[in-house]
C-alpha atoms as a PDB file:
ATOM      1  CA  MET A   1       0.000   0.000   0.000  1.00  0.00           C
ATOM      2  CA  LYS A   2       1.712   3.150  -1.226  1.00  0.00           C
ATOM      3  CA  VAL A   3       1.153   6.350   0.767  1.00  0.00           C
ATOM      4  CA  SER A   4       1.481   9.884  -0.571  1.00  0.00           C
ATOM      5  CA  VAL A   5       1.956  12.624   2.031  1.00  0.00           C
ATOM      6  CA  VAL A   6       0.945  16.124   0.957  1.00  0.00           C
ATOM      7  CA  VAL A   7       2.528  19.173   2.633  1.00  0.00           C
ATOM      8  CA  CYS A   8       1.430  22.642   1.541  1.00  0.00           C
ATOM      9  CA  THR A   9       2.996  26.016   2.294  1.00  0.00           C
ATOM     10  CA  TYR A  10       2.779  29.570   0.991  1.00  0.00           C
ATOM     11  CA  THR A  11       5.289  31.959   2.595  1.00  0.00           C
ATOM     12  CA  MET A  12       8.956  32.230   3.524  1.00  0.00           C
ATOM     13  CA  ASP A  13       7.841  33.283   7.010  1.00  0.00           C
ATOM     14  CA  ARG A  14       6.991  29.629   7.694  1.00  0.00           C
ATOM     15  CA  TYR A  15       9.843  28.051   5.767  1.00  0.00           C
ATOM     16  CA  GLU A  16      11.841  26.859   8.763  1.00  0.00           C
ATOM     17  CA  VAL A  17       8.937  24.981  10.323  1.00  0.00           C
ATOM     18  CA  PHE A  18       7.879  23.765   6.874  1.00  0.00           C
ATOM     19  CA  THR A  19      11.265  22.101   6.400  1.00  0.00           C
ATOM     20  CA  GLU A  20      10.880  20.417   9.796  1.00  0.00           C
ATOM     21  CA  ALA A  21       7.520  19.061   8.680  1.00  0.00           C
ATOM     22  CA  VAL A  22       8.945  17.742   5.406  1.00  0.00           C
ATOM     23  CA  GLU A  23      11.975  16.184   7.094  1.00  0.00           C
ATOM     24  CA  SER A  24       9.731  14.404   9.591  1.00  0.00           C
ATOM     25  CA  VAL A  25       7.855  12.866   6.654  1.00  0.00           C
ATOM     26  CA  LEU A  26      11.048  11.863   4.856  1.00  0.00           C
ATOM     27  CA  GLU A  27      12.201  10.106   8.051  1.00  0.00           C
ATOM     28  CA  GLN A  28       9.123   7.888   8.327  1.00  0.00           C
ATOM     29  CA  THR A  29       9.657   4.197   9.024  1.00  0.00           C
ATOM     30  CA  TYR A  30       7.083   3.218   6.406  1.00  0.00           C
ATOM     31  CA  ASP A  31       7.856   2.343   2.798  1.00  0.00           C
ATOM     32  CA  PRO A  32       6.729   2.903   0.021  1.00  0.00           C
ATOM     33  CA  ILE A  33       6.062   6.575   0.591  1.00  0.00           C
ATOM     34  CA  GLU A  34       5.826   9.583  -1.696  1.00  0.00           C
ATOM     35  CA  VAL A  35       6.035  13.227  -0.607  1.00  0.00           C
ATOM     36  CA  VAL A  36       4.076  15.863  -2.530  1.00  0.00           C
ATOM     37  CA  LEU A  37       5.016  19.469  -1.763  1.00  0.00           C
ATOM     38  CA  VAL A  38       2.563  22.116  -2.970  1.00  0.00           C
ATOM     39  CA  ILE A  39       3.616  25.774  -2.918  1.00  0.00           C
ATOM     40  CA  ASP A  40       0.699  28.169  -3.080  1.00  0.00           C
ATOM     41  CA  GLY A  41       1.792  30.642  -5.735  1.00  0.00           C
ATOM     42  CA  ASN A  42       5.076  31.857  -4.237  1.00  0.00           C
ATOM     43  CA  ASP A  43       8.059  31.670  -6.605  1.00  0.00           C
ATOM     44  CA  GLU A  44      10.631  32.387  -3.891  1.00  0.00           C
ATOM     45  CA  VAL A  45       9.371  29.539  -1.709  1.00  0.00           C
ATOM     46  CA  TYR A  46       9.193  27.263  -4.764  1.00  0.00           C
ATOM     47  CA  LYS A  47      12.846  27.998  -5.608  1.00  0.00           C
ATOM     48  CA  HIS A  48      13.975  27.140  -2.076  1.00  0.00           C
ATOM     49  CA  VAL A  49      11.902  23.956  -1.997  1.00  0.00           C
ATOM     50  CA  GLN A  50      13.335  22.815  -5.312  1.00  0.00           C
ATOM     51  CA  GLU A  51      16.856  23.430  -4.036  1.00  0.00           C
ATOM     52  CA  ASP A  52      16.276  21.672  -0.705  1.00  0.00           C
ATOM     53  CA  PHE A  53      14.007  18.779  -1.666  1.00  0.00           C
ATOM     54  CA  GLY A  54      13.596  18.665  -5.443  1.00  0.00           C
ATOM     55  CA  ARG A  55      16.337  16.103  -5.937  1.00  0.00           C
ATOM     56  CA  GLU A  56      15.037  13.764  -3.232  1.00  0.00           C
ATOM     57  CA  GLU A  57      13.776  10.404  -4.454  1.00  0.00           C
ATOM     58  CA  ASN A  58       9.960  10.135  -4.509  1.00  0.00           C
ATOM     59  CA  VAL A  59       9.426  13.860  -3.917  1.00  0.00           C
ATOM     60  CA  VAL A  60       7.062  15.831  -6.164  1.00  0.00           C
ATOM     61  CA  VAL A  61       7.172  19.647  -6.063  1.00  0.00           C
ATOM     62  CA  HIS A  62       4.424  21.837  -7.505  1.00  0.00           C
ATOM     63  CA  ASN A  63       3.828  25.609  -7.471  1.00  0.00           C
ATOM     64  CA  ASN A  64       0.306  26.938  -8.023  1.00  0.00           C
ATOM     65  CA  ASP A  65       0.004  29.639 -10.687  1.00  0.00           C
ATOM     66  CA  GLU A  66      -1.384  31.979  -7.996  1.00  0.00           C
ATOM     67  CA  ASN A  67      -2.391  31.892  -4.337  1.00  0.00           C
ATOM     68  CA  ARG A  68      -5.385  29.549  -4.305  1.00  0.00           C
ATOM     69  CA  GLY A  69      -5.717  28.665  -0.614  1.00  0.00           C
ATOM     70  CA  ILE A  70      -5.026  25.585   1.492  1.00  0.00           C
ATOM     71  CA  SER A  71      -8.050  23.595   0.341  1.00  0.00           C
ATOM     72  CA  TYR A  72      -7.239  23.963  -3.356  1.00  0.00           C
ATOM     73  CA  SER A  73      -3.575  23.171  -2.652  1.00  0.00           C
ATOM     74  CA  ARG A  74      -4.342  20.000  -0.714  1.00  0.00           C
ATOM     75  CA  THR A  75      -6.705  18.712  -3.382  1.00  0.00           C
ATOM     76  CA  LYS A  76      -4.125  19.546  -6.055  1.00  0.00           C
ATOM     77  CA  GLY A  77      -1.565  17.568  -4.075  1.00  0.00           C
ATOM     78  CA  ALA A  78      -3.899  14.569  -4.003  1.00  0.00           C
ATOM     79  CA  GLU A  79      -4.392  14.838  -7.756  1.00  0.00           C
ATOM     80  CA  LEU A  80      -0.618  14.867  -8.307  1.00  0.00           C
ATOM     81  CA  ALA A  81      -0.088  11.963  -5.904  1.00  0.00           C
ATOM     82  CA  SER A  82       0.221   8.338  -6.971  1.00  0.00           C
ATOM     83  CA  GLY A  83      -0.397   6.588  -3.643  1.00  0.00           C
ATOM     84  CA  ASP A  84      -3.311   4.392  -2.620  1.00  0.00           C
ATOM     85  CA  ILE A  85      -3.562   6.545   0.508  1.00  0.00           C
ATOM     86  CA  VAL A  86      -3.155  10.319   0.638  1.00  0.00           C
ATOM     87  CA  ALA A  87      -2.183  11.790   4.021  1.00  0.00           C
ATOM     88  CA  PHE A  88      -1.963  15.436   5.021  1.00  0.00           C
ATOM     89  CA  ILE A  89       0.165  17.251   7.578  1.00  0.00           C
ATOM     90  CA  ASP A  90       0.282  21.013   8.164  1.00  0.00           C
ATOM     91  CA  ASP A  91       3.426  22.940   7.330  1.00  0.00           C
ATOM     92  CA  ASP A  92       3.896  23.559  11.064  1.00  0.00           C
ATOM     93  CA  GLY A  93       3.437  19.933  12.088  1.00  0.00           C
ATOM     94  CA  VAL A  94       6.111  17.386  12.996  1.00  0.00           C
ATOM     95  CA  ALA A  95       5.197  13.716  12.630  1.00  0.00           C
ATOM     96  CA  GLU A  96       6.510  10.971  14.855  1.00  0.00           C
ATOM     97  CA  GLU A  97       8.539   8.512  12.809  1.00  0.00           C
ATOM     98  CA  ASP A  98       5.899   5.746  12.894  1.00  0.00           C
ATOM     99  CA  TRP A  99       3.018   8.079  11.969  1.00  0.00           C
ATOM    100  CA  ILE A 100       2.366   6.645   8.518  1.00  0.00           C
ATOM    101  CA  GLU A 101       3.102   3.084   9.597  1.00  0.00           C
ATOM    102  CA  THR A 102       0.420   3.366  12.286  1.00  0.00           C
ATOM    103  CA  LEU A 103      -2.134   4.878   9.905  1.00  0.00           C
ATOM    104  CA  VAL A 104      -1.518   2.056   7.424  1.00  0.00           C
ATOM    105  CA  GLU A 105      -1.977  -0.590  10.132  1.00  0.00           C
ATOM    106  CA  THR A 106      -5.469   0.783  10.681  1.00  0.00           C
ATOM    107  CA  TYR A 107      -6.265   0.668   6.969  1.00  0.00           C
ATOM    108  CA  GLU A 108      -4.980  -2.882   6.687  1.00  0.00           C
ATOM    109  CA  GLY A 109      -6.797  -4.041   9.808  1.00  0.00           C
ATOM    110  CA  THR A 110     -10.186  -2.473   8.999  1.00  0.00           C
ATOM    111  CA  ASP A 111     -12.337  -1.464   6.043  1.00  0.00           C
ATOM    112  CA  ALA A 112     -11.625   2.216   6.752  1.00  0.00           C
ATOM    113  CA  ILE A 113     -11.759   4.711   3.898  1.00  0.00           C
ATOM    114  CA  ALA A 114     -10.299   7.480   6.083  1.00  0.00           C
ATOM    115  CA  VAL A 115      -8.030   7.450   9.127  1.00  0.00           C
ATOM    116  CA  GLY A 116      -6.808  10.264  11.354  1.00  0.00           C
ATOM    117  CA  GLY A 117      -4.648  10.463  14.423  1.00  0.00           C
ATOM    118  CA  ASP A 118      -3.709  12.495  17.462  1.00  0.00           C
ATOM    119  CA  VAL A 119      -2.418  16.067  17.219  1.00  0.00           C
ATOM    120  CA  LYS A 120      -0.455  17.169  20.266  1.00  0.00           C
ATOM    121  CA  PRO A 121       0.448  20.805  21.024  1.00  0.00           C
ATOM    122  CA  ASN A 122       4.069  21.897  20.815  1.00  0.00           C
ATOM    123  CA  TRP A 123       4.153  25.399  22.290  1.00  0.00           C
ATOM    124  CA  VAL A 124       7.040  27.561  21.075  1.00  0.00           C
ATOM    125  CA  ASP A 125       6.642  29.524  24.305  1.00  0.00           C
ATOM    126  CA  GLU A 126       4.988  28.264  27.472  1.00  0.00           C
ATOM    127  CA  LYS A 127       1.350  27.296  27.266  1.00  0.00           C
ATOM    128  CA  PRO A 128      -0.687  30.253  28.597  1.00  0.00           C
ATOM    129  CA  ASP A 129      -1.962  29.480  32.080  1.00  0.00           C
ATOM    130  CA  PHE A 130      -5.477  30.631  31.112  1.00  0.00           C
ATOM    131  CA  PHE A 131      -5.806  28.271  28.141  1.00  0.00           C
ATOM    132  CA  PRO A 132      -7.988  25.221  28.917  1.00  0.00           C
ATOM    133  CA  GLU A 133      -7.208  21.915  27.217  1.00  0.00           C
ATOM    134  CA  GLU A 134     -10.913  21.570  26.422  1.00  0.00           C
ATOM    135  CA  PHE A 135     -10.385  24.231  23.736  1.00  0.00           C
ATOM    136  CA  TYR A 136      -7.300  22.719  22.120  1.00  0.00           C
ATOM    137  CA  TRP A 137      -9.448  22.335  19.000  1.00  0.00           C
ATOM    138  CA  LEU A 138      -9.151  26.117  18.525  1.00  0.00           C
ATOM    139  CA  VAL A 139      -5.475  25.602  17.684  1.00  0.00           C
ATOM    140  CA  GLY A 140      -5.908  22.409  15.686  1.00  0.00           C
ATOM    141  CA  CYS A 141      -5.016  19.969  18.470  1.00  0.00           C
ATOM    142  CA  VAL A 142      -7.005  17.081  19.905  1.00  0.00           C
ATOM    143  CA  GLU A 143      -8.969  18.003  23.021  1.00  0.00           C
ATOM    144  CA  PRO A 144      -9.882  15.708  25.946  1.00  0.00           C
ATOM    145  CA  GLY A 145     -12.928  13.593  25.148  1.00  0.00           C
ATOM    146  CA  PHE A 146     -12.464  13.902  21.375  1.00  0.00           C
ATOM    147  CA  ALA A 147     -12.782  10.176  20.662  1.00  0.00           C
ATOM    148  CA  GLU A 148     -11.770   6.732  21.855  1.00  0.00           C
ATOM    149  CA  ASP A 149      -9.040   4.835  20.030  1.00  0.00           C
ATOM    150  CA  GLY A 150     -10.610   3.082  17.034  1.00  0.00           C
ATOM    151  CA  GLU A 151     -13.799   5.144  17.211  1.00  0.00           C
ATOM    152  CA  GLU A 152     -15.385   6.381  13.982  1.00  0.00           C
ATOM    153  CA  VAL A 153     -15.722  10.171  13.787  1.00  0.00           C
ATOM    154  CA  ARG A 154     -16.704  12.603  11.056  1.00  0.00           C
ATOM    155  CA  ASN A 155     -13.164  13.934  10.755  1.00  0.00           C
ATOM    156  CA  THR A 156      -9.984  14.510  12.712  1.00  0.00           C
ATOM    157  CA  TYR A 157      -7.851  17.652  12.546  1.00  0.00           C
ATOM    158  CA  GLY A 158      -6.044  18.778   9.429  1.00  0.00           C
ATOM    159  CA  SER A 159      -2.481  18.170  10.570  1.00  0.00           C
ATOM    160  CA  ASN A 160      -3.109  14.441  10.964  1.00  0.00           C
ATOM    161  CA  ILE A 161      -5.637  13.188   8.468  1.00  0.00           C
ATOM    162  CA  SER A 162      -5.656  10.686   5.620  1.00  0.00           C
ATOM    163  CA  TYR A 163      -7.983   9.135   3.048  1.00  0.00           C
ATOM    164  CA  ARG A 164      -8.082   6.435   0.457  1.00  0.00           C
ATOM    165  CA  ARG A 165      -7.073   8.637  -2.440  1.00  0.00           C
ATOM    166  CA  GLU A 166      -9.654   7.388  -4.952  1.00  0.00           C
ATOM    167  CA  GLU A 167     -12.567   7.952  -2.562  1.00  0.00           C
ATOM    168  CA  PHE A 168     -11.213  11.357  -1.479  1.00  0.00           C
ATOM    169  CA  LEU A 169     -11.114  12.588  -5.060  1.00  0.00           C
ATOM    170  CA  GLU A 170     -14.416  10.920  -5.921  1.00  0.00           C
ATOM    171  CA  VAL A 171     -16.231  13.172  -3.425  1.00  0.00           C
ATOM    172  CA  GLY A 172     -14.425  16.251  -4.727  1.00  0.00           C
ATOM    173  CA  GLY A 173     -11.593  16.663  -2.225  1.00  0.00           C
ATOM    174  CA  TYR A 174     -11.498  19.825  -0.131  1.00  0.00           C
ATOM    175  CA  ASP A 175     -13.905  22.670  -0.855  1.00  0.00           C
ATOM    176  CA  PRO A 176     -11.756  25.604  -2.117  1.00  0.00           C
ATOM    177  CA  ASN A 177     -14.171  28.029  -0.432  1.00  0.00           C
ATOM    178  CA  THR A 178     -13.072  26.741   2.989  1.00  0.00           C
ATOM    179  CA  GLY A 179      -9.756  26.837   4.792  1.00  0.00           C
ATOM    180  CA  ARG A 180      -7.008  29.438   4.840  1.00  0.00           C
ATOM    181  CA  LYS A 181      -6.800  31.763   1.833  1.00  0.00           C
ATOM    182  CA  GLY A 182      -5.152  35.122   2.457  1.00  0.00           C
ATOM    183  CA  ASP A 183      -7.142  36.933   5.140  1.00  0.00           C
ATOM    184  CA  LYS A 184     -10.213  34.751   4.566  1.00  0.00           C
ATOM    185  CA  HIS A 185     -10.622  31.678   6.702  1.00  0.00           C
ATOM    186  CA  LEU A 186     -13.941  29.874   6.770  1.00  0.00           C
ATOM    187  CA  GLN A 187     -12.998  27.452   9.539  1.00  0.00           C
ATOM    188  CA  ALA A 188     -14.657  24.303   8.268  1.00  0.00           C
ATOM    189  CA  HIS A 189     -11.808  22.814   6.323  1.00  0.00           C
ATOM    190  CA  GLU A 190     -12.084  19.072   6.950  1.00  0.00           C
ATOM    191  CA  ALA A 191     -15.784  18.782   7.806  1.00  0.00           C
ATOM    192  CA  PRO A 192     -17.267  18.901   4.266  1.00  0.00           C
ATOM    193  CA  VAL A 193     -15.076  16.008   3.075  1.00  0.00           C
ATOM    194  CA  GLY A 194     -16.076  13.913   6.072  1.00  0.00           C
ATOM    195  CA  ILE A 195     -19.737  14.707   5.468  1.00  0.00           C
ATOM    196  CA  ARG A 196     -19.569  13.801   1.781  1.00  0.00           C
ATOM    197  CA  LEU A 197     -17.767  10.529   2.552  1.00  0.00           C
ATOM    198  CA  LEU A 198     -20.520   9.649   5.019  1.00  0.00           C
ATOM    199  CA  GLU A 199     -23.185  10.465   2.449  1.00  0.00           C
ATOM    200  CA  GLU A 200     -21.477   8.588  -0.384  1.00  0.00           C
ATOM    201  CA  TYR A 201     -20.013   5.558   1.418  1.00  0.00           C
ATOM    202  CA  GLY A 202     -21.760   5.455   4.788  1.00  0.00           C
ATOM    203  CA  GLN A 203     -18.410   5.516   6.594  1.00  0.00           C
ATOM    204  CA  GLY A 204     -16.667   8.095   8.715  1.00  0.00           C
ATOM    205  CA  MET A 205     -13.023   8.426   9.721  1.00  0.00           C
ATOM    206  CA  VAL A 206     -11.332   6.035  12.144  1.00  0.00           C
ATOM    207  CA  PHE A 207      -9.402   7.772  14.940  1.00  0.00           C
ATOM    208  CA  THR A 208      -6.169   6.055  15.959  1.00  0.00           C
ATOM    209  CA  GLU A 209      -4.464   7.665  18.936  1.00  0.00           C
ATOM    210  CA  ASP A 210      -1.046   6.097  18.338  1.00  0.00           C
ATOM    211  CA  ALA A 211      -0.532   7.947  15.039  1.00  0.00           C
ATOM    212  CA  VAL A 212       0.870  11.201  16.410  1.00  0.00           C
ATOM    213  CA  VAL A 213       1.729  14.596  14.931  1.00  0.00           C
ATOM    214  CA  HIS A 214       3.041  17.476  17.037  1.00  0.00           C
ATOM    215  CA  HIS A 215       1.602  20.859  16.054  1.00  0.00           C
ATOM    216  CA  THR A 216       3.946  23.820  16.477  1.00  0.00           C
ATOM    217  CA  LEU A 217       2.049  26.625  18.223  1.00  0.00           C
ATOM    218  CA  PHE A 218       3.590  30.038  17.778  1.00  0.00           C
ATOM    219  CA  GLU A 219       3.244  32.837  20.321  1.00  0.00           C
ATOM    220  CA  TYR A 220       0.216  34.421  18.632  1.00  0.00           C
ATOM    221  CA  ARG A 221      -1.815  31.248  19.159  1.00  0.00           C
ATOM    222  CA  GLY A 222      -1.625  31.868  22.879  1.00  0.00           C
ATOM    223  CA  ASP A 223      -2.879  35.445  22.602  1.00  0.00           C
ATOM    224  CA  PHE A 224      -6.200  35.820  24.407  1.00  0.00           C
ATOM    225  CA  ALA A 225      -7.704  38.271  21.908  1.00  0.00           C
ATOM    226  CA  TRP A 226      -6.689  36.070  18.958  1.00  0.00           C
ATOM    227  CA  LEU A 227      -8.286  33.034  20.593  1.00  0.00           C
ATOM    228  CA  VAL A 228     -11.522  34.907  21.303  1.00  0.00           C
ATOM    229  CA  SER A 229     -11.638  36.048  17.673  1.00  0.00           C
ATOM    230  CA  ARG A 230     -10.981  32.514  16.468  1.00  0.00           C
ATOM    231  CA  SER A 231     -13.772  31.229  18.718  1.00  0.00           C
ATOM    232  CA  PHE A 232     -16.124  33.766  17.156  1.00  0.00           C
ATOM    233  CA  TRP A 233     -15.276  32.685  13.608  1.00  0.00           C
ATOM    234  CA  GLN A 234     -15.563  29.030  14.581  1.00  0.00           C
ATOM    235  CA  GLY A 235     -19.151  29.769  15.582  1.00  0.00           C
ATOM    236  CA  TYR A 236     -19.712  31.658  12.350  1.00  0.00           C
ATOM    237  CA  SER A 237     -18.277  28.768  10.326  1.00  0.00           C
ATOM    238  CA  LYS A 238     -20.459  26.274  12.155  1.00  0.00           C
ATOM    239  CA  ARG A 239     -23.570  28.173  11.108  1.00  0.00           C
ATOM    240  CA  VAL A 240     -22.418  28.096   7.480  1.00  0.00           C
ATOM    241  CA  MET A 241     -21.878  24.331   7.700  1.00  0.00           C
ATOM    242  CA  ASP A 242     -25.313  23.868   9.269  1.00  0.00           C
ATOM    243  CA  LEU A 243     -26.842  25.655   6.284  1.00  0.00           C
ATOM    244  CA  LEU A 244     -24.799  23.769   3.708  1.00  0.00           C
ATOM    245  CA  TYR A 245     -25.187  20.344   5.339  1.00  0.00           C
ATOM    246  CA  PRO A 246     -28.315  20.430   7.538  1.00  0.00           C
ATOM    247  CA  GLU A 247     -28.490  16.624   7.869  1.00  0.00           C
ATOM    248  CA  ALA A 248     -24.822  16.140   8.789  1.00  0.00           C
ATOM    249  CA  PRO A 249     -23.743  14.811  12.205  1.00  0.00           C
ATOM    250  CA  ASP A 250     -22.985  17.668  14.583  1.00  0.00           C
ATOM    251  CA  ASP A 251     -19.706  16.743  16.282  1.00  0.00           C
ATOM    252  CA  LYS A 252     -18.943  20.203  17.665  1.00  0.00           C
ATOM    253  CA  SER A 253     -22.378  20.708  19.223  1.00  0.00           C
ATOM    254  CA  ALA A 254     -22.052  17.302  20.861  1.00  0.00           C
ATOM    255  CA  TYR A 255     -18.695  18.336  22.278  1.00  0.00           C
ATOM    256  CA  LEU A 256     -20.019  21.657  23.579  1.00  0.00           C
ATOM    257  CA  LYS A 257     -22.773  19.738  25.340  1.00  0.00           C
ATOM    258  CA  GLN A 258     -20.150  17.430  26.877  1.00  0.00           C
ATOM    259  CA  LEU A 259     -18.140  20.508  27.844  1.00  0.00           C
ATOM    260  CA  LEU A 260     -21.010  22.123  29.737  1.00  0.00           C
ATOM    261  CA  THR A 261     -22.382  18.953  31.326  1.00  0.00           C
ATOM    262  CA  HIS A 262     -19.146  17.164  32.212  1.00  0.00           C
ATOM    263  CA  PHE A 263     -15.950  19.208  31.978  1.00  0.00           C
ATOM    264  CA  VAL A 264     -17.267  22.470  33.429  1.00  0.00           C
ATOM    265  CA  PRO A 265     -18.903  20.844  36.505  1.00  0.00           C
ATOM    266  CA  LYS A 266     -15.703  18.863  37.110  1.00  0.00           C
ATOM    267  CA  ARG A 267     -13.598  22.008  36.882  1.00  0.00           C
ATOM    268  CA  MET A 268     -15.934  23.874  39.229  1.00  0.00           C
ATOM    269  CA  LYS A 269     -15.581  21.101  41.810  1.00  0.00           C
ATOM    270  CA  ASP A 270     -11.787  21.189  41.427  1.00  0.00           C
ATOM    271  CA  VAL A 271     -11.733  24.966  41.951  1.00  0.00           C
ATOM    272  CA  VAL A 272     -13.835  24.636  45.116  1.00  0.00           C
ATOM    273  CA  ARG A 273     -11.730  21.777  46.502  1.00  0.00           C
ATOM    274  CA  SER A 274      -8.322  23.166  45.620  1.00  0.00           C
ATOM    275  CA  PRO A 275      -8.486  26.804  44.499  1.00  0.00           C
ATOM    276  CA  SER A 276      -5.702  28.075  42.241  1.00  0.00           C
ATOM    277  CA  MET A 277      -5.434  31.087  39.973  1.00  0.00           C
ATOM    278  CA  PRO A 278      -4.684  29.082  36.778  1.00  0.00           C
ATOM    279  CA  GLU A 279      -7.669  26.774  37.412  1.00  0.00           C
ATOM    280  CA  LEU A 280      -9.946  29.759  37.965  1.00  0.00           C
ATOM    281  CA  LYS A 281      -8.620  31.517  34.856  1.00  0.00           C
ATOM    282  CA  GLN A 282      -9.228  28.418  32.742  1.00  0.00           C
ATOM    283  CA  LEU A 283     -12.764  27.996  34.045  1.00  0.00           C
ATOM    284  CA  LEU A 284     -13.583  31.618  33.211  1.00  0.00           C
ATOM    285  CA  THR A 285     -11.906  31.264  29.812  1.00  0.00           C
ATOM    286  CA  ILE A 286     -14.141  28.302  28.965  1.00  0.00           C
ATOM    287  CA  PHE A 287     -17.181  30.557  29.432  1.00  0.00           C
ATOM    288  CA  VAL A 288     -15.614  33.374  27.392  1.00  0.00           C
ATOM    289  CA  PHE A 289     -14.650  31.107  24.472  1.00  0.00           C
ATOM    290  CA  THR A 290     -18.025  29.337  24.531  1.00  0.00           C
ATOM    291  CA  GLY A 291     -19.783  32.695  24.525  1.00  0.00           C
ATOM    292  CA  ALA A 292     -17.676  33.876  21.580  1.00  0.00           C
ATOM    293  CA  VAL A 293     -18.590  30.725  19.620  1.00  0.00           C
ATOM    294  CA  GLY A 294     -22.253  31.416  20.336  1.00  0.00           C
ATOM    295  CA  LEU A 295     -21.965  35.046  19.278  1.00  0.00           C
ATOM    296  CA  GLY A 296     -20.310  34.010  16.021  1.00  0.00           C
ATOM    297  CA  TYR A 297     -23.140  31.595  15.343  1.00  0.00           C
ATOM    298  CA  LEU A 298     -25.766  34.250  16.090  1.00  0.00           C
ATOM    299  CA  TYR A 299     -23.921  36.796  13.921  1.00  0.00           C
ATOM    300  CA  ALA A 300     -24.028  34.356  11.006  1.00  0.00           C
ATOM    301  CA  MET A 301     -27.732  33.759  11.615  1.00  0.00           C
ATOM    302  CA  ALA A 302     -28.342  37.497  11.397  1.00  0.00           C
ATOM    303  CA  THR A 303     -26.203  37.953   8.275  1.00  0.00           C
ATOM    304  CA  PRO A 304     -28.187  37.936   5.009  1.00  0.00           C
ATOM    305  CA  ASP A 305     -26.854  35.513   2.384  1.00  0.00           C
ATOM    306  CA  VAL A 306     -24.229  34.241   4.806  1.00  0.00           C
ATOM    307  CA  VAL A 307     -23.252  31.281   2.595  1.00  0.00           C
ATOM    308  CA  GLU A 308     -22.762  33.469  -0.478  1.00  0.00           C
ATOM    309  CA  LYS A 309     -20.664  35.934   1.508  1.00  0.00           C
ATOM    310  CA  ALA A 310     -18.530  33.156   2.974  1.00  0.00           C
ATOM    311  CA  ASN A 311     -17.876  31.814  -0.522  1.00  0.00           C
ATOM    312  CA  ALA A 312     -17.254  35.212  -2.123  1.00  0.00           C
END
């Protein structure tokens, strides 16, 4: 079973971490593996990538004709790939050396058409003491209670996700109107693919906790204002997805329910039993982030033609 790993990038500002991501893929224990590097319309980055990786065996390098966004780039990478499986890692992710080997074991041991794994945070600076683990999903990392090992979910997070390539392309790959593109970021990047796979094949994605990628979290991802803003746009994006796919399973609403009925009461008990400033900060932050998600959702509800504006 041949695996193609797609890594996309778009700016020299991220080149150092991008090279770490690529090197972690090249050092995988699994074989046969192909690495597809997609540059999103940046000639300078493309030149450096060609110099650093273009002569590597089983490496494909492509530069988009213009900046087209992460979703277009990932789908383009899958189209260029030749593997039975196409896996994706962010340009600021670092995979453990058995990442692909573990994903393949799940494919070989099940009838899975998609498999994703754990994404652990790797803070460049210290983790902010106010940031609760329950909201790790805001920074693309797996939160407590996400799923049990081997459980079928709609989708995992984008830095550790894979599909049978034929089925991925059959349902259209990633929607180019979602994901990062310049200043626009409709935060529903992986969900539409998972929904279409469920509709077409009746199967979700298998979560395997032993396939691990470490997500580099720069200082700005620990900024309180940035996280509140991201929470808001997560709520906005959820409303757009609800309109586009009204019959789809609602993973995030289920988690928010679990948050308010399980994690928050547990945290409140912990604060009462053993008060500490970080614990209190994190409890308050949970309410702030949850409120921001709700406001984003309500804002989208009140916005005329919200889907058309999101896709514009």
